[in-house]
Structure formats: C-alpha cells, structure tokens
C-alpha cells in the first residue's frame, strides 16, 4: 500500500490527520477529493487553514500547491469560507 506522504504536499503530520478521518491511501484521497478531505479534517482540527486545503488539492492533482491555477485557488477560497463559517482568510 502506497503511503499518503509519498504524494505531493503531504507530510507526516497531514498524513496522520488524513488517517484520523479515515483516508488511508492516495486512492482514498483522490476518490474523496480535497474538499471532502478538508471538511473531515476541519471537523477534528479547527486550526486547519487554507494552505492545507491547497495542499490537499495539489496532492489530488499531483502538483505542488503553489502551481494551482488562480481560478482553482479562488474556488477553494470560496469553499473554505463556507466550511469555516465565513471567516476571511
């Protein structure tokens, strides 16, 4: 079984959080998607930030989160605001 931490942007700490919410493999993360994974993590860790959401999306897309398109980042920002009760970034 491939380790989550072998994916782009996923370090040991994020891998642990993903496992805590039932996401065990890269295939699980790709199937569930970054937004659902983030919602689950946010449910156990209210300090989860926008950069974590970007990291998850980058992992799903197989690229460093810094290279996400501006359109994708804007979409994720809007999603983040809905999950985090409208808090600004």
N, C-alpha and C. Protein backbone atom coordinates (compact mmCIF):
# COMPACT_ATOMS: atom_id res chain seq x y z
N UNK A 1 0.85 -1.18 0.00
CA UNK A 1 0.00 0.00 0.00
C UNK A 1 0.90 1.24 0.00
N UNK A 2 0.64 2.12 -0.95
CA UNK A 2 1.42 3.34 -1.05
C UNK A 2 1.06 4.30 0.09
N UNK A 3 2.06 5.00 0.57
CA UNK A 3 1.89 5.93 1.68
C UNK A 3 1.37 7.27 1.18
N UNK A 4 0.48 7.87 1.94
CA UNK A 4 -0.01 9.20 1.62
C UNK A 4 1.12 10.22 1.56
N UNK A 5 2.12 10.05 2.43
CA UNK A 5 3.22 11.03 2.48
C UNK A 5 4.11 10.97 1.25
N UNK A 6 3.90 10.03 0.38
CA UNK A 6 4.64 9.99 -0.89
C UNK A 6 4.02 10.92 -1.93
N UNK A 7 2.81 11.42 -1.63
CA UNK A 7 2.14 12.35 -2.54
C UNK A 7 2.70 13.76 -2.36
N UNK A 8 2.58 14.57 -3.42
CA UNK A 8 2.97 15.98 -3.33
C UNK A 8 2.25 16.64 -2.16
N UNK A 9 2.95 17.47 -1.43
CA UNK A 9 2.40 18.34 -0.38
C UNK A 9 1.96 17.62 0.90
N UNK A 10 2.06 16.30 0.96
CA UNK A 10 1.58 15.56 2.13
C UNK A 10 2.78 15.14 2.97
N UNK A 11 2.93 15.78 4.13
CA UNK A 11 3.98 15.40 5.06
C UNK A 11 3.42 14.46 6.11
N UNK A 12 4.25 14.12 7.06
CA UNK A 12 3.85 13.17 8.10
C UNK A 12 2.65 13.65 8.91
N UNK A 13 2.62 14.94 9.26
CA UNK A 13 1.52 15.45 10.08
C UNK A 13 0.19 15.41 9.33
N UNK A 14 0.21 15.83 8.07
CA UNK A 14 -1.03 15.81 7.29
C UNK A 14 -1.46 14.38 7.01
N UNK A 15 -0.50 13.51 6.78
CA UNK A 15 -0.84 12.10 6.60
C UNK A 15 -1.55 11.55 7.83
N UNK A 16 -1.08 11.89 9.01
CA UNK A 16 -1.70 11.43 10.25
C UNK A 16 -3.13 11.94 10.37
N UNK A 17 -3.33 13.22 10.04
CA UNK A 17 -4.68 13.79 10.11
C UNK A 17 -5.61 13.09 9.12
N UNK A 18 -5.13 12.83 7.92
CA UNK A 18 -5.93 12.12 6.94
C UNK A 18 -6.33 10.75 7.45
N UNK A 19 -5.41 10.05 8.05
CA UNK A 19 -5.71 8.72 8.58
C UNK A 19 -6.72 8.80 9.72
N UNK A 20 -6.62 9.85 10.53
CA UNK A 20 -7.57 10.02 11.64
C UNK A 20 -9.00 10.17 11.14
N UNK A 21 -9.16 10.67 9.92
CA UNK A 21 -10.52 10.86 9.37
C UNK A 21 -10.88 9.78 8.35
N UNK A 22 -10.12 8.69 8.36
CA UNK A 22 -10.49 7.53 7.55
C UNK A 22 -9.96 7.52 6.12
N UNK A 23 -9.02 8.38 5.82
CA UNK A 23 -8.40 8.40 4.49
C UNK A 23 -7.03 7.76 4.62
N UNK A 24 -6.91 6.55 4.12
CA UNK A 24 -5.72 5.73 4.36
C UNK A 24 -4.72 5.68 3.22
N UNK A 25 -5.18 5.90 1.99
CA UNK A 25 -4.31 5.71 0.83
C UNK A 25 -4.44 6.89 -0.14
N UNK A 26 -3.48 7.03 -1.04
CA UNK A 26 -3.62 8.05 -2.08
C UNK A 26 -4.90 7.85 -2.89
N UNK A 27 -5.26 6.61 -3.15
CA UNK A 27 -6.50 6.34 -3.88
C UNK A 27 -7.72 6.85 -3.13
N UNK A 28 -7.73 6.67 -1.81
CA UNK A 28 -8.83 7.20 -0.99
C UNK A 28 -8.94 8.72 -1.15
N UNK A 29 -7.80 9.40 -1.06
CA UNK A 29 -7.80 10.86 -1.15
C UNK A 29 -8.28 11.32 -2.53
N UNK A 30 -7.81 10.68 -3.57
CA UNK A 30 -8.23 11.05 -4.92
C UNK A 30 -9.72 10.79 -5.13
N UNK A 31 -10.21 9.71 -4.58
CA UNK A 31 -11.63 9.36 -4.72
C UNK A 31 -12.52 10.33 -3.94
N UNK A 32 -12.10 10.67 -2.74
CA UNK A 32 -12.90 11.56 -1.87
C UNK A 32 -12.78 13.01 -2.31
N UNK A 33 -11.60 13.40 -2.73
CA UNK A 33 -11.35 14.77 -3.16
C UNK A 33 -10.89 15.67 -2.04
N UNK A 34 -10.27 16.76 -2.43
CA UNK A 34 -9.67 17.68 -1.46
C UNK A 34 -10.70 18.35 -0.55
N UNK A 35 -11.84 18.72 -1.11
CA UNK A 35 -12.83 19.44 -0.30
C UNK A 35 -13.42 18.56 0.79
N UNK A 36 -13.80 17.35 0.45
CA UNK A 36 -14.36 16.45 1.47
C UNK A 36 -13.30 16.09 2.50
N UNK A 37 -12.07 15.85 2.04
CA UNK A 37 -10.99 15.55 2.98
C UNK A 37 -10.78 16.71 3.95
N UNK A 38 -10.80 17.94 3.41
CA UNK A 38 -10.62 19.11 4.26
C UNK A 38 -11.75 19.24 5.26
N UNK A 39 -13.00 19.04 4.83
CA UNK A 39 -14.13 19.12 5.76
C UNK A 39 -13.97 18.12 6.90
N UNK A 40 -13.54 16.93 6.58
CA UNK A 40 -13.33 15.91 7.62
C UNK A 40 -12.23 16.34 8.59
N UNK A 41 -11.13 16.84 8.05
CA UNK A 41 -10.04 17.28 8.92
C UNK A 41 -10.48 18.46 9.77
N UNK A 42 -11.17 19.39 9.17
CA UNK A 42 -11.66 20.56 9.91
C UNK A 42 -12.57 20.15 11.07
N UNK A 43 -13.26 19.03 10.90
CA UNK A 43 -14.11 18.51 11.96
C UNK A 43 -13.35 18.06 13.20
N UNK A 44 -12.09 17.71 13.03
CA UNK A 44 -11.28 17.29 14.18
C UNK A 44 -10.19 18.29 14.54
N UNK A 45 -9.98 19.28 13.65
CA UNK A 45 -8.91 20.26 13.86
C UNK A 45 -9.37 21.62 13.33
N UNK A 46 -9.85 22.45 14.23
CA UNK A 46 -10.38 23.76 13.81
C UNK A 46 -9.28 24.73 13.38
N UNK A 47 -8.02 24.34 13.53
CA UNK A 47 -6.93 25.21 13.08
C UNK A 47 -6.54 24.91 11.63
N UNK A 48 -7.18 23.94 11.00
CA UNK A 48 -6.88 23.62 9.60
C UNK A 48 -7.11 24.87 8.76
N UNK A 49 -6.11 25.24 7.95
CA UNK A 49 -6.15 26.52 7.24
C UNK A 49 -6.25 26.33 5.73
N UNK A 50 -6.36 27.45 5.03
CA UNK A 50 -6.50 27.44 3.58
C UNK A 50 -5.31 26.75 2.92
N UNK A 51 -4.12 26.91 3.48
CA UNK A 51 -2.95 26.27 2.88
C UNK A 51 -3.06 24.75 2.92
N UNK A 52 -3.70 24.21 3.94
CA UNK A 52 -3.92 22.77 3.99
C UNK A 52 -4.86 22.35 2.87
N UNK A 53 -5.90 23.14 2.65
CA UNK A 53 -6.81 22.84 1.56
C UNK A 53 -6.08 22.88 0.22
N UNK A 54 -5.24 23.89 0.02
CA UNK A 54 -4.45 23.96 -1.21
C UNK A 54 -3.54 22.74 -1.33
N UNK A 55 -2.91 22.35 -0.23
CA UNK A 55 -2.02 21.19 -0.25
C UNK A 55 -2.77 19.92 -0.65
N UNK A 56 -3.95 19.76 -0.12
CA UNK A 56 -4.76 18.58 -0.47
C UNK A 56 -5.13 18.58 -1.94
N UNK A 57 -5.53 19.74 -2.46
CA UNK A 57 -5.88 19.83 -3.88
C UNK A 57 -4.65 19.55 -4.75
N UNK A 58 -3.52 20.11 -4.36
CA UNK A 58 -2.30 19.84 -5.10
C UNK A 58 -1.95 18.36 -5.10
N UNK A 59 -2.15 17.70 -3.97
CA UNK A 59 -1.89 16.26 -3.89
C UNK A 59 -2.79 15.49 -4.83
N UNK A 60 -4.06 15.86 -4.85
CA UNK A 60 -5.02 15.20 -5.75
C UNK A 60 -4.60 15.41 -7.21
N UNK A 61 -4.16 16.63 -7.54
CA UNK A 61 -3.77 16.94 -8.91
C UNK A 61 -2.35 16.49 -9.25
N UNK A 62 -1.57 16.10 -8.23
CA UNK A 62 -0.20 15.64 -8.46
C UNK A 62 0.79 16.76 -8.72
N UNK A 63 0.57 17.91 -8.06
CA UNK A 63 1.48 19.04 -8.24
C UNK A 63 1.63 19.81 -6.94
N UNK A 64 2.71 20.59 -6.87
CA UNK A 64 2.89 21.47 -5.72
C UNK A 64 1.72 22.45 -5.68
N UNK A 65 1.23 22.74 -4.48
CA UNK A 65 0.05 23.60 -4.38
C UNK A 65 0.31 24.99 -4.92
N UNK A 66 1.57 25.42 -4.92
CA UNK A 66 1.92 26.74 -5.44
C UNK A 66 1.56 26.89 -6.92
N UNK A 67 1.44 25.77 -7.62
CA UNK A 67 1.17 25.80 -9.05
C UNK A 67 -0.30 25.59 -9.41
N UNK A 68 -1.17 25.63 -8.42
CA UNK A 68 -2.60 25.58 -8.72
C UNK A 68 -2.98 26.86 -9.46
N UNK A 69 -3.91 26.76 -10.37
CA UNK A 69 -4.33 27.95 -11.11
C UNK A 69 -5.01 28.94 -10.18
N UNK A 70 -5.00 30.20 -10.56
CA UNK A 70 -5.67 31.24 -9.77
C UNK A 70 -7.17 30.95 -9.68
N UNK A 71 -7.73 30.44 -10.76
CA UNK A 71 -9.15 30.08 -10.76
C UNK A 71 -9.44 28.99 -9.73
N UNK A 72 -8.57 27.98 -9.68
CA UNK A 72 -8.74 26.89 -8.71
C UNK A 72 -8.59 27.43 -7.29
N UNK A 73 -7.59 28.27 -7.07
CA UNK A 73 -7.40 28.85 -5.73
C UNK A 73 -8.61 29.68 -5.30
N UNK A 74 -9.17 30.44 -6.23
CA UNK A 74 -10.36 31.24 -5.90
C UNK A 74 -11.53 30.35 -5.53
N UNK A 75 -11.73 29.28 -6.29
CA UNK A 75 -12.78 28.31 -6.00
C UNK A 75 -12.58 27.71 -4.61
N UNK A 76 -11.35 27.36 -4.28
CA UNK A 76 -11.05 26.78 -2.97
C UNK A 76 -11.25 27.80 -1.85
N UNK A 77 -10.92 29.07 -2.11
CA UNK A 77 -11.15 30.12 -1.10
C UNK A 77 -12.63 30.26 -0.77
N UNK A 78 -13.47 30.23 -1.80
CA UNK A 78 -14.91 30.33 -1.58
C UNK A 78 -15.41 29.13 -0.77
N UNK A 79 -14.93 27.95 -1.11
CA UNK A 79 -15.30 26.75 -0.36
C UNK A 79 -14.83 26.87 1.09
N UNK A 80 -13.61 27.32 1.29
CA UNK A 80 -13.05 27.48 2.63
C UNK A 80 -13.94 28.38 3.48
N UNK A 81 -14.38 29.46 2.91
CA UNK A 81 -15.24 30.39 3.65
C UNK A 81 -16.54 29.73 4.08
N UNK A 82 -17.10 28.87 3.26
CA UNK A 82 -18.35 28.19 3.65
C UNK A 82 -18.11 27.18 4.76
N UNK A 83 -16.98 26.51 4.71
CA UNK A 83 -16.66 25.50 5.73
C UNK A 83 -16.28 26.15 7.05
N UNK A 84 -15.64 27.30 6.96
CA UNK A 84 -15.13 27.97 8.16
C UNK A 84 -16.00 29.13 8.59
N UNK A 85 -17.30 29.00 8.37
CA UNK A 85 -18.29 29.97 8.85
C UNK A 85 -18.04 31.38 8.35
N UNK A 86 -17.63 31.51 7.11
CA UNK A 86 -17.48 32.82 6.51
C UNK A 86 -16.27 33.60 6.96
N UNK A 87 -15.38 32.99 7.71
CA UNK A 87 -14.19 33.71 8.17
C UNK A 87 -13.32 34.07 6.98
N UNK A 88 -12.83 35.30 7.01
CA UNK A 88 -11.92 35.73 5.95
C UNK A 88 -10.58 35.04 6.12
N UNK A 89 -9.85 35.04 5.05
CA UNK A 89 -8.54 34.38 5.05
C UNK A 89 -7.49 35.27 5.68
